Protein backbone atom coordinates (compact mmCIF):
# COMPACT_ATOMS: atom_id res chain seq x y z
CA MET A 1 0.00 -0.02 -0.13
CA SER A 2 1.34 3.45 -1.06
CA PRO A 3 1.53 6.26 1.43
CA ALA A 4 -1.23 8.03 -0.37
CA ASP A 5 -3.57 4.96 -0.15
CA SER A 6 -2.67 4.54 3.48
CA SER A 7 -3.39 8.32 4.09
CA ARG A 8 -6.75 7.97 2.29
CA GLU A 9 -7.68 4.88 4.20
CA GLU A 10 -6.98 6.56 7.51
CA ASN A 11 -8.89 9.71 6.60
CA VAL A 12 -11.89 7.58 5.67
CA TYR A 13 -11.65 5.77 9.13
CA MET A 14 -11.25 8.97 10.86
CA ALA A 15 -14.38 10.45 9.23
CA LYS A 16 -16.31 7.27 10.31
CA LEU A 17 -15.10 7.89 13.81
CA ALA A 18 -15.92 11.69 13.63
CA GLU A 19 -19.56 10.47 12.31
CA GLN A 20 -20.12 8.19 15.37
CA ALA A 21 -18.85 11.01 17.74
CA GLU A 22 -21.21 13.48 15.88
CA ARG A 23 -18.38 15.73 14.95
CA TYR A 24 -19.47 16.67 11.59
CA GLU A 25 -17.29 19.64 10.94
CA GLU A 26 -14.27 17.28 11.49
CA MET A 27 -15.89 14.73 9.38
CA VAL A 28 -16.04 17.27 6.53
CA GLU A 29 -12.32 17.92 6.99
CA PHE A 30 -11.38 14.29 6.74
CA MET A 31 -13.69 13.71 3.63
CA GLU A 32 -12.25 16.93 1.82
CA LYS A 33 -8.73 15.50 2.32
CA VAL A 34 -9.84 12.25 0.65
CA ALA A 35 -11.53 14.07 -2.12
CA LYS A 36 -8.67 16.24 -2.92
CA THR A 37 -6.18 13.24 -2.99
CA VAL A 38 -8.23 11.86 -5.80
CA ASP A 39 -7.14 13.20 -9.21
CA VAL A 40 -8.22 10.81 -11.94
CA GLU A 41 -9.84 8.09 -9.92
CA GLU A 42 -13.26 8.86 -8.50
CA LEU A 43 -14.50 8.28 -5.00
CA THR A 44 -15.82 5.00 -4.07
CA VAL A 45 -19.61 4.65 -3.23
CA GLU A 46 -18.65 4.55 0.56
CA GLU A 47 -16.54 7.64 0.45
CA ARG A 48 -19.07 9.53 -1.70
CA ASN A 49 -21.75 8.76 0.84
CA LEU A 50 -19.53 9.84 3.75
CA LEU A 51 -18.79 13.16 2.16
CA SER A 52 -22.48 13.73 1.55
CA VAL A 53 -23.53 12.83 5.17
CA ALA A 54 -20.83 15.13 6.56
CA TYR A 55 -22.03 18.15 4.71
CA LYS A 56 -25.57 17.23 5.06
CA ASN A 57 -25.27 17.29 8.83
CA VAL A 58 -23.12 20.57 8.88
CA ILE A 59 -25.43 22.49 6.62
CA GLY A 60 -28.57 20.97 8.16
CA ALA A 61 -27.76 22.44 11.65
CA ARG A 62 -27.27 25.79 10.11
CA ARG A 63 -30.34 25.60 8.05
CA ALA A 64 -32.54 24.69 10.97
CA SER A 65 -31.01 27.49 12.99
CA TRP A 66 -31.77 29.99 10.11
CA ARG A 67 -35.34 28.89 10.00
CA ILE A 68 -35.84 29.26 13.76
CA ILE A 69 -34.19 32.82 13.93
CA SER A 70 -36.10 33.93 10.76
CA SER A 71 -39.45 32.88 12.54
CA ILE A 72 -38.64 34.66 15.56
CA GLU A 73 -37.65 37.83 13.67
CA GLN A 74 -41.10 37.73 11.93
CA LYS A 75 -42.80 37.53 15.22
CA GLU A 76 -40.85 40.37 16.80
CA GLU A 77 -41.53 42.54 13.55
CA SER A 78 -45.27 41.89 13.98
CA ARG A 79 -45.05 43.04 17.58
CA GLY A 80 -43.11 46.19 16.64
CA ASN A 81 -40.14 45.28 18.89
CA GLU A 82 -37.57 47.23 16.70
CA ASP A 83 -34.68 46.85 19.04
CA HIS A 84 -35.11 42.94 19.13
CA VAL A 85 -35.43 42.89 15.44
CA ALA A 86 -32.18 44.68 14.81
CA ILE A 87 -30.34 42.16 17.17
CA ILE A 88 -31.95 39.21 15.44
CA LYS A 89 -31.02 40.57 12.02
CA GLU A 90 -27.29 40.71 13.03
CA TYR A 91 -27.58 37.27 14.47
CA ARG A 92 -29.29 35.82 11.44
CA GLY A 93 -26.50 37.55 9.27
CA LYS A 94 -23.90 35.51 11.31
CA ILE A 95 -25.69 32.26 10.50
CA GLU A 96 -25.95 33.24 6.66
CA SER A 97 -22.30 33.85 6.60
CA GLU A 98 -21.67 30.34 7.98
CA LEU A 99 -24.18 28.92 5.56
CA SER A 100 -22.49 30.74 2.54
CA LYS A 101 -19.03 29.44 3.71
CA ILE A 102 -20.21 25.71 3.81
CA CYS A 103 -21.96 25.99 0.50
CA ASP A 104 -18.93 27.67 -1.21
CA GLY A 105 -16.67 24.91 0.22
CA ILE A 106 -18.56 21.91 -1.20
CA LEU A 107 -19.37 23.78 -4.46
CA SER A 108 -15.75 24.48 -4.94
CA LEU A 109 -14.83 20.87 -4.29
CA LEU A 110 -17.46 19.63 -6.76
CA GLU A 111 -16.21 21.90 -9.47
CA SER A 112 -12.58 21.25 -8.87
CA HIS A 113 -12.36 17.51 -8.23
CA LEU A 114 -15.60 15.63 -7.85
CA ILE A 115 -17.57 16.42 -11.02
CA PRO A 116 -14.46 16.19 -13.41
CA SER A 117 -13.36 12.86 -11.82
CA ALA A 118 -16.84 11.22 -12.17
CA SER A 119 -16.90 8.66 -14.79
CA SER A 120 -20.09 6.56 -14.13
CA ALA A 121 -23.64 7.87 -14.77
CA GLU A 122 -24.53 7.22 -11.10
CA SER A 123 -21.58 9.48 -9.91
CA LYS A 124 -22.36 12.20 -12.35
CA VAL A 125 -26.11 12.46 -11.28
CA PHE A 126 -25.00 12.14 -7.68
CA TYR A 127 -22.48 15.13 -7.86
CA LEU A 128 -24.81 17.19 -10.10
CA LYS A 129 -27.60 16.78 -7.76
CA MET A 130 -25.35 17.67 -4.90
CA LYS A 131 -24.29 20.75 -6.80
CA GLY A 132 -27.92 21.67 -7.29
CA ASP A 133 -28.76 21.11 -3.56
CA TYR A 134 -26.21 23.50 -2.33
CA HIS A 135 -26.93 26.21 -4.75
CA ARG A 136 -30.66 25.79 -3.63
CA TYR A 137 -29.49 26.23 0.05
CA LEU A 138 -27.96 29.39 -0.98
CA ALA A 139 -31.21 30.48 -2.70
CA GLU A 140 -33.17 29.85 0.51
CA PHE A 141 -31.63 32.80 2.21
CA LYS A 142 -30.03 34.95 -0.47
CA THR A 143 -31.90 38.00 -1.86
CA GLY A 144 -32.01 40.12 -4.99
CA ALA A 145 -29.40 39.30 -7.61
CA GLU A 146 -27.65 36.68 -5.57
CA ARG A 147 -30.87 34.75 -5.01
CA LYS A 148 -31.71 34.93 -8.79
CA GLU A 149 -27.91 33.62 -9.50
CA ALA A 150 -28.38 30.82 -6.96
CA ALA A 151 -31.57 29.77 -8.31
CA GLU A 152 -30.30 29.80 -12.02
CA SER A 153 -27.30 27.68 -10.90
CA THR A 154 -29.66 25.18 -9.03
CA LEU A 155 -31.81 24.85 -12.18
CA LEU A 156 -28.82 24.27 -14.48
CA ALA A 157 -27.36 21.62 -12.00
CA TYR A 158 -30.49 19.82 -11.52
CA LYS A 159 -31.47 19.74 -15.22
CA SER A 160 -27.97 18.52 -16.25
CA ALA A 161 -28.42 15.73 -13.61
CA GLN A 162 -31.86 14.94 -14.74
CA ASP A 163 -30.87 14.44 -18.38
CA ILE A 164 -28.21 11.95 -17.48
CA ALA A 165 -30.56 10.09 -14.91
CA VAL A 166 -33.43 9.76 -17.40
CA ALA A 167 -31.04 8.46 -20.03
CA GLU A 168 -29.01 6.06 -17.71
CA LEU A 169 -30.64 5.26 -14.43
CA ALA A 170 -33.78 3.05 -13.82
CA PRO A 171 -36.77 4.97 -12.63
CA THR A 172 -36.58 3.17 -9.29
CA HIS A 173 -32.89 4.12 -8.75
CA PRO A 174 -32.64 5.87 -5.45
CA ILE A 175 -30.39 8.67 -6.83
CA ARG A 176 -32.73 9.37 -9.67
CA LEU A 177 -35.61 9.43 -7.09
CA GLY A 178 -33.71 11.72 -4.78
CA LEU A 179 -32.92 14.00 -7.57
CA ALA A 180 -36.73 14.22 -8.49
CA LEU A 181 -37.64 14.73 -4.73
CA ASN A 182 -35.15 17.70 -4.48
CA PHE A 183 -35.92 19.17 -7.81
CA SER A 184 -39.58 19.27 -7.05
CA VAL A 185 -39.00 20.94 -3.69
CA PHE A 186 -36.72 23.44 -5.65
CA TYR A 187 -39.80 24.23 -7.85
CA TYR A 188 -42.16 24.54 -5.05
CA GLU A 189 -40.13 26.48 -2.53
CA ILE A 190 -37.69 28.59 -4.51
CA LEU A 191 -39.44 29.14 -7.89
CA ASN A 192 -42.86 29.17 -6.39
CA SER A 193 -44.11 26.89 -9.14
CA PRO A 194 -46.40 24.30 -7.39
CA ASP A 195 -47.72 23.01 -10.67
CA ARG A 196 -44.24 22.18 -11.98
CA ALA A 197 -43.34 20.67 -8.52
CA CYS A 198 -46.28 18.38 -8.52
CA ASN A 199 -45.90 17.38 -12.20
CA LEU A 200 -42.36 16.35 -11.62
CA ALA A 201 -42.85 14.58 -8.38
CA LYS A 202 -46.00 12.70 -9.72
CA GLN A 203 -44.06 11.64 -12.91
CA ALA A 204 -41.19 10.36 -10.91
CA PHE A 205 -43.57 8.52 -8.63
CA ASP A 206 -45.66 7.06 -11.51
CA GLU A 207 -42.66 5.97 -13.54
CA ALA A 208 -40.99 4.15 -10.46
CA ILE A 209 -44.36 2.41 -9.72
CA SER A 210 -44.78 1.15 -13.22
CA GLU A 211 -41.22 -0.22 -13.23
CA LEU A 212 -41.05 -1.85 -10.02
CA ASP A 213 -39.67 -5.12 -11.58
CA THR A 214 -36.22 -3.20 -11.86
CA LEU A 215 -36.22 -2.46 -8.14
CA GLY A 216 -33.25 -4.45 -6.75
CA GLU A 217 -32.99 -5.85 -3.25
CA GLU A 218 -29.92 -3.69 -2.48
CA SER A 219 -31.92 -0.38 -3.08
CA TYR A 220 -35.42 -1.47 -1.88
CA LYS A 221 -35.46 0.51 1.33
CA ASP A 222 -34.03 3.62 -0.05
CA SER A 223 -36.13 3.70 -3.12
CA THR A 224 -39.43 3.00 -1.25
CA LEU A 225 -38.50 5.66 1.30
CA ILE A 226 -37.99 8.41 -1.31
CA MET A 227 -41.11 7.33 -3.16
CA GLN A 228 -43.10 7.82 0.08
CA LEU A 229 -41.43 11.27 0.53
CA LEU A 230 -42.63 12.08 -3.16
CA ARG A 231 -46.04 11.05 -2.21
CA ASP A 232 -46.10 13.01 1.09
CA ASN A 233 -45.10 16.19 -0.72
CA LEU A 234 -47.78 15.53 -3.35
CA THR A 235 -50.41 15.14 -0.52
CA LEU A 236 -49.15 18.31 1.06
CA TRP A 237 -48.91 20.35 -2.18
CA THR A 238 -52.35 19.30 -3.41
CA SER A 239 -55.66 18.51 -1.70
CA ASP A 240 -55.85 14.88 -3.20
CA ILE A 241 -53.84 13.29 -6.07
CA THR A 242 -54.92 9.90 -6.95
CA HIS A 243 -52.64 7.44 -8.92
CA PRO A 244 -54.24 6.26 -12.04
CA HIS A 245 -52.58 2.75 -11.87
CA LEU A 246 -53.01 1.92 -8.23
CA LYS A 247 -56.23 0.02 -7.80
CA ILE A 248 -55.63 -1.35 -4.27
CA SER A 249 -56.84 1.72 -2.29
CA GLY A 250 -57.01 4.52 -4.80
CA VAL A 251 -54.42 6.65 -2.99
CA VAL A 252 -51.20 5.59 -1.39
CA LYS A 253 -51.31 7.40 1.91
CA THR A 254 -48.76 5.84 4.12
CA ALA A 255 -45.46 4.17 3.90
CA GLN A 256 -47.15 0.91 4.78
CA ASP A 257 -49.46 1.34 1.90
CA LEU A 258 -46.65 1.92 -0.30
CA VAL A 259 -44.70 -1.07 0.85
CA ALA A 260 -47.71 -3.27 0.55
CA VAL A 261 -48.13 -2.10 -3.12
CA VAL A 262 -44.61 -2.73 -3.85
CA LEU A 263 -44.65 -6.20 -2.48
CA ILE A 264 -47.89 -7.15 -4.09
CA THR A 265 -46.71 -5.81 -7.59
CA TYR A 266 -43.42 -7.48 -7.02
CA LEU A 267 -45.12 -10.78 -6.45
CA SER A 268 -47.54 -10.59 -9.32
CA ILE A 269 -44.57 -9.64 -11.87
CA GLN A 270 -42.35 -12.35 -10.63
CA ASP A 271 -44.76 -15.01 -9.61
CA GLU A 272 -42.62 -17.70 -11.22
CA ALA A 273 -39.45 -16.68 -9.39
CA GLY A 274 -39.99 -19.16 -6.58
CA ASP A 275 -38.86 -18.17 -3.18
CA GLU A 276 -36.46 -15.42 -4.33
CA ILE A 277 -38.91 -12.59 -3.61
CA LYS A 278 -39.97 -14.12 -0.27
CA GLU A 279 -36.41 -14.34 0.90
CA ALA A 280 -35.87 -10.59 -0.20
CA SER A 281 -38.71 -9.40 1.65
CA LYS A 282 -37.75 -11.22 4.98
CA ARG A 283 -34.25 -9.84 4.99
CA GLY A 284 -35.52 -6.30 4.24
CA GLU A 285 -31.84 -5.22 3.35
CA SER A 286 -30.95 -1.82 2.36
CA GLY A 287 -28.03 -0.98 -0.01
CA ASP A 288 -25.83 1.88 -0.25
CA GLY A 289 -28.27 4.22 -1.89
CA GLN A 290 -28.06 7.88 -0.81
CA GLN A 291 -30.60 9.00 1.65
CA PRO A 292 -32.69 12.05 0.35
CA GLN A 293 -31.78 15.53 1.28
CA GLN A 294 -34.43 18.11 1.43
């Protein structure tokens, strides 16, 4: 093992330790070192997911803080507490600076190392989706021209990822489904376009349902989880959307309903497959699919 390989392996192990200790800033540092040592060769699936988890936790804490502070700011404004509002605005600005720094960090890494080194369709979609996600996080709090720029960058990244995903990945692939989930949230929350959001989410859900025979054991849990999140958003965004091909209960309302539909469809499609499906459902195993980010 070369010194570079040893260092890479050690940083991956340290990132795992940091994750267990919930020290996500350090987890980011370790995985950035791994990413920057990769020139031609791309990250492994495990390394890719560790990097994503690290940044998701670091950014997630700040996004939650920003939402709480913004809500308090609105309440104080409605009460006319100008002194409190001024204090809150300054504090919110501090959180926004942290958000910007985190987003700029991962976006720079994506542009300089991760996207150029991606060779498989899965990796390309993963990183382009990630690029869209972090531009979207910027668009959540930026204003004016900066918000417009962040939104445009989000749209470009998601569309690029979508083009590859539709051409290369199965409709049931968790990364393709995760992209559809986040892209639809972008339409709804950032572009204020509920029609586009619902159309995109429903199309992704319908296509996944219609091709359940492509759903492998390794991604079963990840895919069905994201399908349920798509369904939950559709329920939230519309009064009642029915699926034209689901005849069991008219509407898939819960995760249990979705799993039942998946299993029943699976069994009907592969009725001649003997005990293979039964064994898969008993194990209920999950693969390395990336969990959705919102």
